[in-house]
């Protein structure tokens, strides 16, 4: 991934959006867990789920959301390149989870009580976090200048290639 931008000017924006996505996930998980527990739902209930922030929540899905959202929030707070890797991984996982959710929507394997709204939310959150990971690379000024030189090199110019001194 050497071709991704280093110290991109919009990095703080994407880091902030990833932070907000993580906060949304944590808040959803906390409220969903409280609502599901007060309703006396089983951990993997599939029917009668409370609606929390436009999504349905059972206790297991809520607890999983709290953990994943906390990891994303902590990564955004730590910054450096830690958030980049967390966002790349979380974004990929959310996109794949959205596809997996659609596969089990109307089956008995839908242990977390997913709905189509949860699939769409997973895709949106995954794209935000993946983009934050792609634009979140931090490096030294020298590395950023070298990357800019490679991106703006003229056709036929061999400067900046691997192995050049």
N, C-alpha and C. Protein backbone atom coordinates (compact mmCIF):
# COMPACT_ATOMS: atom_id res chain seq x y z
N UNK A 1 0.82 -1.18 0.00
CA UNK A 1 0.00 0.00 0.00
C UNK A 1 0.87 1.25 0.00
N UNK A 2 1.95 1.17 -0.69
CA UNK A 2 2.90 2.27 -0.74
C UNK A 2 2.36 3.43 -1.56
N UNK A 3 1.35 3.20 -2.38
CA UNK A 3 0.85 4.25 -3.26
C UNK A 3 -0.23 5.11 -2.60
N UNK A 4 -0.63 4.81 -1.36
CA UNK A 4 -1.63 5.61 -0.67
C UNK A 4 -1.01 6.90 -0.17
N UNK A 5 -1.80 7.98 -0.12
CA UNK A 5 -1.24 9.27 0.29
C UNK A 5 -0.75 9.28 1.74
N UNK A 6 0.31 10.03 1.97
CA UNK A 6 0.85 10.21 3.31
C UNK A 6 0.54 11.63 3.75
N UNK A 7 0.06 11.78 4.98
CA UNK A 7 -0.28 13.09 5.54
C UNK A 7 -1.27 13.85 4.65
N UNK A 8 -2.30 13.16 4.19
CA UNK A 8 -3.29 13.77 3.32
C UNK A 8 -3.97 14.93 4.05
N UNK A 9 -4.24 16.04 3.36
CA UNK A 9 -4.85 17.20 4.02
C UNK A 9 -6.21 16.91 4.65
N UNK A 10 -6.95 15.95 4.12
CA UNK A 10 -8.27 15.62 4.67
C UNK A 10 -8.21 14.51 5.73
N UNK A 11 -7.02 14.11 6.11
CA UNK A 11 -6.87 13.05 7.11
C UNK A 11 -7.63 13.36 8.40
N UNK A 12 -7.55 14.59 8.94
CA UNK A 12 -8.30 14.88 10.17
C UNK A 12 -9.81 14.74 9.99
N UNK A 13 -10.32 15.11 8.83
CA UNK A 13 -11.75 14.97 8.56
C UNK A 13 -12.17 13.50 8.61
N UNK A 14 -11.42 12.65 7.90
CA UNK A 14 -11.78 11.24 7.86
C UNK A 14 -11.58 10.58 9.22
N UNK A 15 -10.57 11.00 9.95
CA UNK A 15 -10.36 10.48 11.31
C UNK A 15 -11.54 10.86 12.20
N UNK A 16 -12.02 12.10 12.06
CA UNK A 16 -13.18 12.55 12.83
C UNK A 16 -14.44 11.79 12.46
N UNK A 17 -14.62 11.53 11.17
CA UNK A 17 -15.79 10.75 10.73
C UNK A 17 -15.73 9.32 11.25
N UNK A 18 -14.54 8.73 11.25
CA UNK A 18 -14.40 7.38 11.80
C UNK A 18 -14.70 7.39 13.30
N UNK A 19 -14.24 8.43 13.98
CA UNK A 19 -14.53 8.58 15.42
C UNK A 19 -16.03 8.65 15.64
N UNK A 20 -16.73 9.49 14.85
CA UNK A 20 -18.18 9.61 14.99
C UNK A 20 -18.89 8.29 14.67
N UNK A 21 -18.39 7.56 13.68
CA UNK A 21 -18.97 6.25 13.37
C UNK A 21 -18.82 5.32 14.56
N UNK A 22 -17.63 5.33 15.18
CA UNK A 22 -17.40 4.50 16.36
C UNK A 22 -18.30 4.90 17.52
N UNK A 23 -18.49 6.20 17.71
CA UNK A 23 -19.38 6.68 18.78
C UNK A 23 -20.81 6.23 18.51
N UNK A 24 -21.25 6.33 17.26
CA UNK A 24 -22.59 5.88 16.90
C UNK A 24 -22.77 4.40 17.24
N UNK A 25 -21.78 3.60 16.91
CA UNK A 25 -21.85 2.16 17.17
C UNK A 25 -21.91 1.88 18.67
N UNK A 26 -21.09 2.60 19.46
CA UNK A 26 -21.09 2.39 20.91
C UNK A 26 -22.42 2.82 21.52
N UNK A 27 -22.91 4.00 21.13
CA UNK A 27 -24.18 4.49 21.67
C UNK A 27 -25.32 3.55 21.31
N UNK A 28 -25.34 3.09 20.06
CA UNK A 28 -26.35 2.11 19.65
C UNK A 28 -26.27 0.87 20.52
N UNK A 29 -25.05 0.38 20.75
CA UNK A 29 -24.87 -0.83 21.55
C UNK A 29 -25.33 -0.66 22.98
N UNK A 30 -24.98 0.45 23.59
CA UNK A 30 -25.36 0.69 24.99
C UNK A 30 -26.88 0.81 25.13
N UNK A 31 -27.49 1.65 24.29
CA UNK A 31 -28.94 1.82 24.37
C UNK A 31 -29.65 0.52 24.02
N UNK A 32 -29.17 -0.17 22.99
CA UNK A 32 -29.77 -1.44 22.61
C UNK A 32 -29.67 -2.49 23.70
N UNK A 33 -28.53 -2.53 24.38
CA UNK A 33 -28.36 -3.50 25.47
C UNK A 33 -29.31 -3.20 26.62
N UNK A 34 -29.43 -1.92 26.98
CA UNK A 34 -30.34 -1.54 28.07
C UNK A 34 -31.78 -1.85 27.70
N UNK A 35 -32.18 -1.49 26.48
CA UNK A 35 -33.55 -1.75 26.03
C UNK A 35 -33.85 -3.25 25.97
N UNK A 36 -32.91 -4.02 25.43
CA UNK A 36 -33.13 -5.46 25.29
C UNK A 36 -33.18 -6.14 26.66
N UNK A 37 -32.32 -5.69 27.58
CA UNK A 37 -32.33 -6.29 28.92
C UNK A 37 -33.61 -5.92 29.66
N UNK A 38 -34.06 -4.68 29.52
CA UNK A 38 -35.29 -4.27 30.21
C UNK A 38 -36.51 -4.97 29.63
N UNK A 39 -36.44 -5.37 28.36
CA UNK A 39 -37.54 -6.10 27.74
C UNK A 39 -37.47 -7.59 28.07
N UNK A 40 -36.38 -8.02 28.72
CA UNK A 40 -36.24 -9.43 29.11
C UNK A 40 -35.99 -10.36 27.94
N UNK A 41 -35.34 -9.87 26.91
CA UNK A 41 -35.07 -10.69 25.72
C UNK A 41 -33.94 -11.67 25.96
N UNK A 42 -34.00 -12.80 25.28
CA UNK A 42 -32.88 -13.74 25.29
C UNK A 42 -31.72 -13.12 24.52
N UNK A 43 -30.52 -13.63 24.75
CA UNK A 43 -29.32 -13.07 24.11
C UNK A 43 -29.43 -13.09 22.60
N UNK A 44 -29.98 -14.14 22.04
CA UNK A 44 -30.04 -14.25 20.58
C UNK A 44 -31.49 -14.23 20.08
N UNK A 45 -32.32 -13.40 20.69
CA UNK A 45 -33.72 -13.28 20.27
C UNK A 45 -33.77 -12.74 18.85
N UNK A 46 -34.78 -13.21 18.10
CA UNK A 46 -34.91 -12.77 16.71
C UNK A 46 -36.21 -12.01 16.46
N UNK A 47 -37.12 -12.06 17.40
CA UNK A 47 -38.40 -11.37 17.22
C UNK A 47 -38.66 -10.47 18.43
N UNK A 48 -39.48 -9.47 18.23
CA UNK A 48 -39.83 -8.56 19.30
C UNK A 48 -38.68 -7.69 19.76
N UNK A 49 -37.75 -7.41 18.85
CA UNK A 49 -36.57 -6.63 19.21
C UNK A 49 -36.89 -5.14 19.28
N UNK A 50 -36.30 -4.44 20.25
CA UNK A 50 -36.53 -2.99 20.32
C UNK A 50 -35.81 -2.27 19.19
N UNK A 51 -36.40 -1.18 18.74
CA UNK A 51 -35.79 -0.36 17.70
C UNK A 51 -34.96 0.73 18.37
N UNK A 52 -33.68 0.75 18.05
CA UNK A 52 -32.75 1.71 18.66
C UNK A 52 -31.97 2.39 17.54
N UNK A 53 -32.10 3.70 17.45
CA UNK A 53 -31.37 4.48 16.45
C UNK A 53 -31.53 3.89 15.05
N UNK A 54 -32.76 3.57 14.70
CA UNK A 54 -33.17 3.07 13.38
C UNK A 54 -32.78 1.61 13.13
N UNK A 55 -32.25 0.91 14.12
CA UNK A 55 -31.86 -0.49 13.96
C UNK A 55 -32.50 -1.32 15.06
N UNK A 56 -32.65 -2.62 14.80
CA UNK A 56 -33.15 -3.55 15.81
C UNK A 56 -31.98 -4.11 16.59
N UNK A 57 -32.19 -4.38 17.88
CA UNK A 57 -31.08 -4.82 18.72
C UNK A 57 -31.51 -5.92 19.67
N UNK A 58 -30.72 -7.01 19.68
CA UNK A 58 -30.84 -7.99 20.75
C UNK A 58 -29.58 -7.86 21.61
N UNK A 59 -29.55 -8.45 22.80
CA UNK A 59 -28.40 -8.24 23.69
C UNK A 59 -27.05 -8.65 23.08
N UNK A 60 -27.02 -9.71 22.32
CA UNK A 60 -25.74 -10.17 21.74
C UNK A 60 -25.22 -9.17 20.71
N UNK A 61 -26.09 -8.71 19.83
CA UNK A 61 -25.70 -7.73 18.81
C UNK A 61 -25.28 -6.42 19.47
N UNK A 62 -25.99 -6.03 20.53
CA UNK A 62 -25.66 -4.81 21.25
C UNK A 62 -24.28 -4.89 21.91
N UNK A 63 -24.00 -6.00 22.56
CA UNK A 63 -22.71 -6.17 23.22
C UNK A 63 -21.57 -6.19 22.20
N UNK A 64 -21.79 -6.87 21.07
CA UNK A 64 -20.79 -6.90 20.01
C UNK A 64 -20.56 -5.49 19.46
N UNK A 65 -21.61 -4.71 19.34
CA UNK A 65 -21.49 -3.34 18.86
C UNK A 65 -20.68 -2.48 19.82
N UNK A 66 -20.90 -2.66 21.11
CA UNK A 66 -20.15 -1.89 22.11
C UNK A 66 -18.66 -2.17 21.98
N UNK A 67 -18.29 -3.43 21.86
CA UNK A 67 -16.87 -3.81 21.77
C UNK A 67 -16.24 -3.26 20.49
N UNK A 68 -16.88 -3.49 19.36
CA UNK A 68 -16.31 -3.04 18.08
C UNK A 68 -16.25 -1.51 18.02
N UNK A 69 -17.31 -0.85 18.44
CA UNK A 69 -17.32 0.61 18.44
C UNK A 69 -16.25 1.19 19.36
N UNK A 70 -16.04 0.56 20.51
CA UNK A 70 -15.00 1.04 21.43
C UNK A 70 -13.62 0.92 20.81
N UNK A 71 -13.37 -0.15 20.08
CA UNK A 71 -12.08 -0.33 19.41
C UNK A 71 -11.86 0.78 18.38
N UNK A 72 -12.89 1.09 17.61
CA UNK A 72 -12.78 2.15 16.59
C UNK A 72 -12.55 3.51 17.26
N UNK A 73 -13.28 3.80 18.34
CA UNK A 73 -13.13 5.07 19.05
C UNK A 73 -11.72 5.19 19.64
N UNK A 74 -11.25 4.14 20.28
CA UNK A 74 -9.91 4.17 20.87
C UNK A 74 -8.85 4.36 19.79
N UNK A 75 -9.01 3.68 18.67
CA UNK A 75 -8.08 3.85 17.56
C UNK A 75 -8.05 5.29 17.06
N UNK A 76 -9.23 5.90 16.94
CA UNK A 76 -9.29 7.30 16.48
C UNK A 76 -8.65 8.24 17.50
N UNK A 77 -8.80 7.94 18.77
CA UNK A 77 -8.19 8.79 19.80
C UNK A 77 -6.67 8.62 19.84
N UNK A 78 -6.19 7.40 19.62
CA UNK A 78 -4.74 7.15 19.63
C UNK A 78 -4.10 7.80 18.42
N UNK A 79 -4.73 7.67 17.26
CA UNK A 79 -4.21 8.29 16.04
C UNK A 79 -3.00 7.57 15.49
N UNK A 80 -2.02 8.36 15.07
CA UNK A 80 -0.81 7.89 14.38
C UNK A 80 -1.24 6.96 13.26
N UNK A 81 -0.63 5.81 13.13
CA UNK A 81 -1.08 4.86 12.12
C UNK A 81 -1.91 3.73 12.73
N UNK A 82 -2.13 3.78 14.04
CA UNK A 82 -2.96 2.77 14.69
C UNK A 82 -4.39 2.87 14.17
N UNK A 83 -4.92 4.09 14.12
CA UNK A 83 -6.28 4.27 13.63
C UNK A 83 -6.42 3.84 12.18
N UNK A 84 -5.39 4.04 11.42
CA UNK A 84 -5.43 3.66 10.00
C UNK A 84 -5.67 2.16 9.85
N UNK A 85 -4.90 1.37 10.57
CA UNK A 85 -5.03 -0.08 10.46
C UNK A 85 -6.34 -0.57 11.04
N UNK A 86 -6.76 0.03 12.16
CA UNK A 86 -8.05 -0.34 12.74
C UNK A 86 -9.18 0.00 11.77
N UNK A 87 -9.12 1.18 11.17
CA UNK A 87 -10.17 1.58 10.22
C UNK A 87 -10.18 0.72 8.97
N UNK A 88 -9.00 0.37 8.47
CA UNK A 88 -8.95 -0.52 7.30
C UNK A 88 -9.58 -1.87 7.62
N UNK A 89 -9.22 -2.44 8.77
CA UNK A 89 -9.76 -3.73 9.17
C UNK A 89 -11.26 -3.64 9.46
N UNK A 90 -11.64 -2.64 10.27
CA UNK A 90 -13.05 -2.50 10.64
C UNK A 90 -13.92 -2.22 9.41
N UNK A 91 -13.43 -1.38 8.50
CA UNK A 91 -14.19 -1.08 7.30
C UNK A 91 -14.43 -2.33 6.46
N UNK A 92 -13.37 -3.12 6.31
CA UNK A 92 -13.51 -4.37 5.55
C UNK A 92 -14.47 -5.32 6.24
N UNK A 93 -14.34 -5.44 7.55
CA UNK A 93 -15.23 -6.34 8.31
C UNK A 93 -16.68 -5.88 8.20
N UNK A 94 -16.93 -4.57 8.31
CA UNK A 94 -18.30 -4.07 8.22
C UNK A 94 -18.89 -4.31 6.83
N UNK A 95 -18.09 -4.15 5.78
CA UNK A 95 -18.60 -4.41 4.43
C UNK A 95 -18.91 -5.90 4.25
N UNK A 96 -18.02 -6.76 4.72
CA UNK A 96 -18.27 -8.20 4.62
C UNK A 96 -19.44 -8.63 5.51
N UNK A 97 -19.52 -8.01 6.69
CA UNK A 97 -20.63 -8.34 7.60
C UNK A 97 -21.97 -7.93 6.99
N UNK A 98 -21.99 -6.81 6.29
CA UNK A 98 -23.22 -6.39 5.62
C UNK A 98 -23.67 -7.41 4.60
N UNK A 99 -22.72 -7.95 3.86
CA UNK A 99 -23.06 -9.01 2.89
C UNK A 99 -23.54 -10.26 3.61
N UNK A 100 -22.85 -10.62 4.68
CA UNK A 100 -23.25 -11.79 5.47
C UNK A 100 -24.63 -11.62 6.08
N UNK A 101 -24.91 -10.41 6.54
CA UNK A 101 -26.24 -10.13 7.12
C UNK A 101 -27.34 -10.36 6.08
N UNK A 102 -27.08 -9.92 4.85
CA UNK A 102 -28.09 -10.10 3.81
C UNK A 102 -28.31 -11.58 3.51
N UNK A 103 -27.26 -12.38 3.65
CA UNK A 103 -27.40 -13.82 3.39
C UNK A 103 -28.32 -14.50 4.40
N UNK A 104 -28.31 -14.03 5.64
CA UNK A 104 -29.06 -14.72 6.70
C UNK A 104 -30.33 -13.99 7.10
N UNK A 105 -30.70 -12.93 6.39
CA UNK A 105 -31.83 -12.08 6.80
C UNK A 105 -33.09 -12.86 7.16
N UNK A 106 -33.56 -13.67 6.29
CA UNK A 106 -34.83 -14.36 6.52
C UNK A 106 -34.66 -15.84 6.79
N UNK A 107 -33.62 -16.13 7.59
CA UNK A 107 -33.36 -17.52 7.94
C UNK A 107 -33.34 -17.66 9.47
N UNK A 108 -33.27 -18.90 9.91
CA UNK A 108 -33.15 -19.16 11.35
C UNK A 108 -31.74 -18.93 11.85
N UNK A 109 -30.79 -18.68 10.97
CA UNK A 109 -29.40 -18.44 11.34
C UNK A 109 -29.17 -16.97 11.71
N UNK A 110 -30.18 -16.16 11.62
CA UNK A 110 -30.09 -14.74 11.92
C UNK A 110 -30.07 -14.54 13.45
N UNK A 111 -29.00 -14.95 14.09
CA UNK A 111 -28.89 -14.94 15.55
C UNK A 111 -28.88 -13.53 16.14
N UNK A 112 -28.44 -12.55 15.39
CA UNK A 112 -28.33 -11.20 15.90
C UNK A 112 -29.55 -10.34 15.55
N UNK A 113 -30.54 -10.93 14.91
CA UNK A 113 -31.76 -10.20 14.58
C UNK A 113 -31.54 -9.09 13.57
N UNK A 114 -30.70 -9.33 12.59
CA UNK A 114 -30.40 -8.32 11.59
C UNK A 114 -31.63 -7.99 10.76
N UNK A 115 -31.68 -6.76 10.30
CA UNK A 115 -32.70 -6.29 9.36
C UNK A 115 -31.98 -5.67 8.16
N UNK A 116 -32.73 -5.32 7.15
CA UNK A 116 -32.12 -4.67 5.99
C UNK A 116 -31.53 -3.33 6.39
N UNK A 117 -32.13 -2.67 7.37
CA UNK A 117 -31.58 -1.40 7.87
C UNK A 117 -30.18 -1.60 8.44
N UNK A 118 -29.99 -2.71 9.14
CA UNK A 118 -28.66 -3.01 9.71
C UNK A 118 -27.65 -3.27 8.60
N UNK A 119 -28.09 -3.92 7.53
CA UNK A 119 -27.19 -4.17 6.39
C UNK A 119 -26.74 -2.84 5.77
N UNK A 120 -27.68 -1.96 5.54
CA UNK A 120 -27.36 -0.66 4.93
C UNK A 120 -26.46 0.14 5.86
N UNK A 121 -26.76 0.15 7.15
CA UNK A 121 -25.92 0.86 8.12
C UNK A 121 -24.51 0.28 8.14
N UNK A 122 -24.41 -1.03 8.04
CA UNK A 122 -23.10 -1.68 8.02
C UNK A 122 -22.30 -1.27 6.79
N UNK A 123 -22.95 -1.18 5.64
CA UNK A 123 -22.27 -0.74 4.42
C UNK A 123 -21.79 0.71 4.54
N UNK A 124 -22.65 1.58 5.05
CA UNK A 124 -22.29 3.00 5.18
C UNK A 124 -21.13 3.17 6.17
N UNK A 125 -21.25 2.55 7.34
CA UNK A 125 -20.18 2.66 8.34
C UNK A 125 -18.89 2.04 7.83
N UNK A 126 -19.00 0.92 7.12
CA UNK A 126 -17.82 0.27 6.56
C UNK A 126 -17.12 1.14 5.54
N UNK A 127 -17.88 1.81 4.68
CA UNK A 127 -17.27 2.68 3.68
C UNK A 127 -16.60 3.89 4.33
N UNK A 128 -17.23 4.45 5.36
CA UNK A 128 -16.62 5.58 6.06
C UNK A 128 -15.30 5.16 6.69
N UNK A 129 -15.31 4.02 7.39
CA UNK A 129 -14.09 3.58 8.07
C UNK A 129 -13.01 3.14 7.09
N UNK A 130 -13.39 2.48 6.01
CA UNK A 130 -12.42 2.07 5.01
C UNK A 130 -11.76 3.29 4.35
N UNK A 131 -12.57 4.28 4.03
CA UNK A 131 -12.01 5.50 3.44
C UNK A 131 -11.10 6.22 4.44
N UNK A 132 -11.50 6.24 5.70
CA UNK A 132 -10.65 6.85 6.73
C UNK A 132 -9.32 6.11 6.83
N UNK A 133 -9.36 4.80 6.68
CA UNK A 133 -8.12 4.03 6.71
C UNK A 133 -7.25 4.29 5.50
N UNK A 134 -7.86 4.47 4.35
CA UNK A 134 -7.08 4.72 3.13
C UNK A 134 -6.42 6.09 3.14
N UNK A 135 -7.08 7.08 3.74
CA UNK A 135 -6.53 8.43 3.76
C UNK A 135 -5.87 8.78 5.09
N UNK A 136 -5.75 7.82 5.99
CA UNK A 136 -5.25 8.11 7.32
C UNK A 136 -3.77 7.85 7.55
N UNK A 137 -3.03 7.60 6.49
CA UNK A 137 -1.61 7.26 6.63
C UNK A 137 -0.80 8.48 7.09
N UNK A 138 -0.03 8.28 8.14
CA UNK A 138 0.81 9.35 8.69
C UNK A 138 2.26 8.97 8.46
N UNK A 139 3.07 9.95 8.11
CA UNK A 139 4.49 9.71 7.89
C UNK A 139 5.28 10.99 8.07
N UNK A 140 6.57 10.86 7.88
CA UNK A 140 7.43 12.02 8.00
C UNK A 140 7.25 12.92 6.78
N UNK A 141 7.76 14.12 6.88
CA UNK A 141 7.69 15.07 5.76
C UNK A 141 8.45 14.52 4.56
N UNK A 142 9.58 13.87 4.82
CA UNK A 142 10.38 13.29 3.74
C UNK A 142 9.59 12.20 3.01
N UNK A 143 8.91 11.34 3.76
CA UNK A 143 8.11 10.29 3.13
C UNK A 143 6.97 10.90 2.30
N UNK A 144 6.34 11.93 2.83
CA UNK A 144 5.24 12.58 2.11
C UNK A 144 5.75 13.22 0.82
N UNK A 145 6.90 13.88 0.88
CA UNK A 145 7.46 14.50 -0.33
C UNK A 145 7.85 13.45 -1.36
N UNK A 146 8.41 12.34 -0.91
CA UNK A 146 8.79 11.26 -1.82
C UNK A 146 7.53 10.69 -2.49
N UNK A 147 6.47 10.51 -1.74
CA UNK A 147 5.21 10.00 -2.29
C UNK A 147 4.63 10.99 -3.31
N UNK A 148 4.65 12.27 -2.98
CA UNK A 148 4.16 13.28 -3.92
C UNK A 148 4.98 13.27 -5.21
N UNK A 149 6.30 13.12 -5.07
CA UNK A 149 7.16 13.05 -6.24
C UNK A 149 6.83 11.87 -7.13
N UNK A 150 6.54 10.72 -6.51
CA UNK A 150 6.17 9.54 -7.29
C UNK A 150 4.84 9.74 -8.00
N UNK A 151 3.89 10.38 -7.34
CA UNK A 151 2.57 10.57 -7.95
C UNK A 151 2.59 11.58 -9.07
N UNK A 152 3.48 12.56 -9.02
CA UNK A 152 3.51 13.61 -10.02
C UNK A 152 4.65 13.46 -11.02
N UNK A 153 5.26 12.29 -11.04
CA UNK A 153 6.37 12.03 -11.94
C UNK A 153 5.87 12.03 -13.39
N UNK A 154 6.66 12.54 -14.29
CA UNK A 154 6.30 12.56 -15.70
C UNK A 154 6.53 11.18 -16.30
N UNK A 155 5.79 10.87 -17.35
CA UNK A 155 5.95 9.60 -18.06
C UNK A 155 7.37 9.53 -18.60
N UNK A 156 8.04 8.43 -18.38
CA UNK A 156 9.38 8.24 -18.84
C UNK A 156 10.43 8.66 -17.84
N UNK A 157 10.02 9.34 -16.78
CA UNK A 157 10.95 9.78 -15.73
C UNK A 157 11.12 8.62 -14.76
N UNK A 158 12.31 8.15 -14.55
CA UNK A 158 12.57 7.01 -13.68
C UNK A 158 12.95 7.40 -12.26
N UNK A 159 12.92 8.68 -11.92
CA UNK A 159 13.30 9.08 -10.58
C UNK A 159 12.24 8.64 -9.58
N UNK A 160 12.67 8.26 -8.41
CA UNK A 160 11.75 7.85 -7.35
C UNK A 160 11.36 6.40 -7.39
N UNK A 161 11.88 5.63 -8.34
CA UNK A 161 11.56 4.22 -8.38
C UNK A 161 12.32 3.47 -7.31
N UNK A 162 11.80 2.34 -6.92
CA UNK A 162 12.48 1.51 -5.92
C UNK A 162 13.84 1.12 -6.44
N UNK A 163 14.83 1.27 -5.62
CA UNK A 163 16.18 0.89 -6.00
C UNK A 163 17.02 2.09 -6.43
N UNK A 164 16.37 3.24 -6.71
CA UNK A 164 17.14 4.44 -7.05
C UNK A 164 17.77 5.01 -5.80
N UNK A 165 18.94 5.56 -5.95
CA UNK A 165 19.63 6.13 -4.80
C UNK A 165 19.36 7.60 -4.67
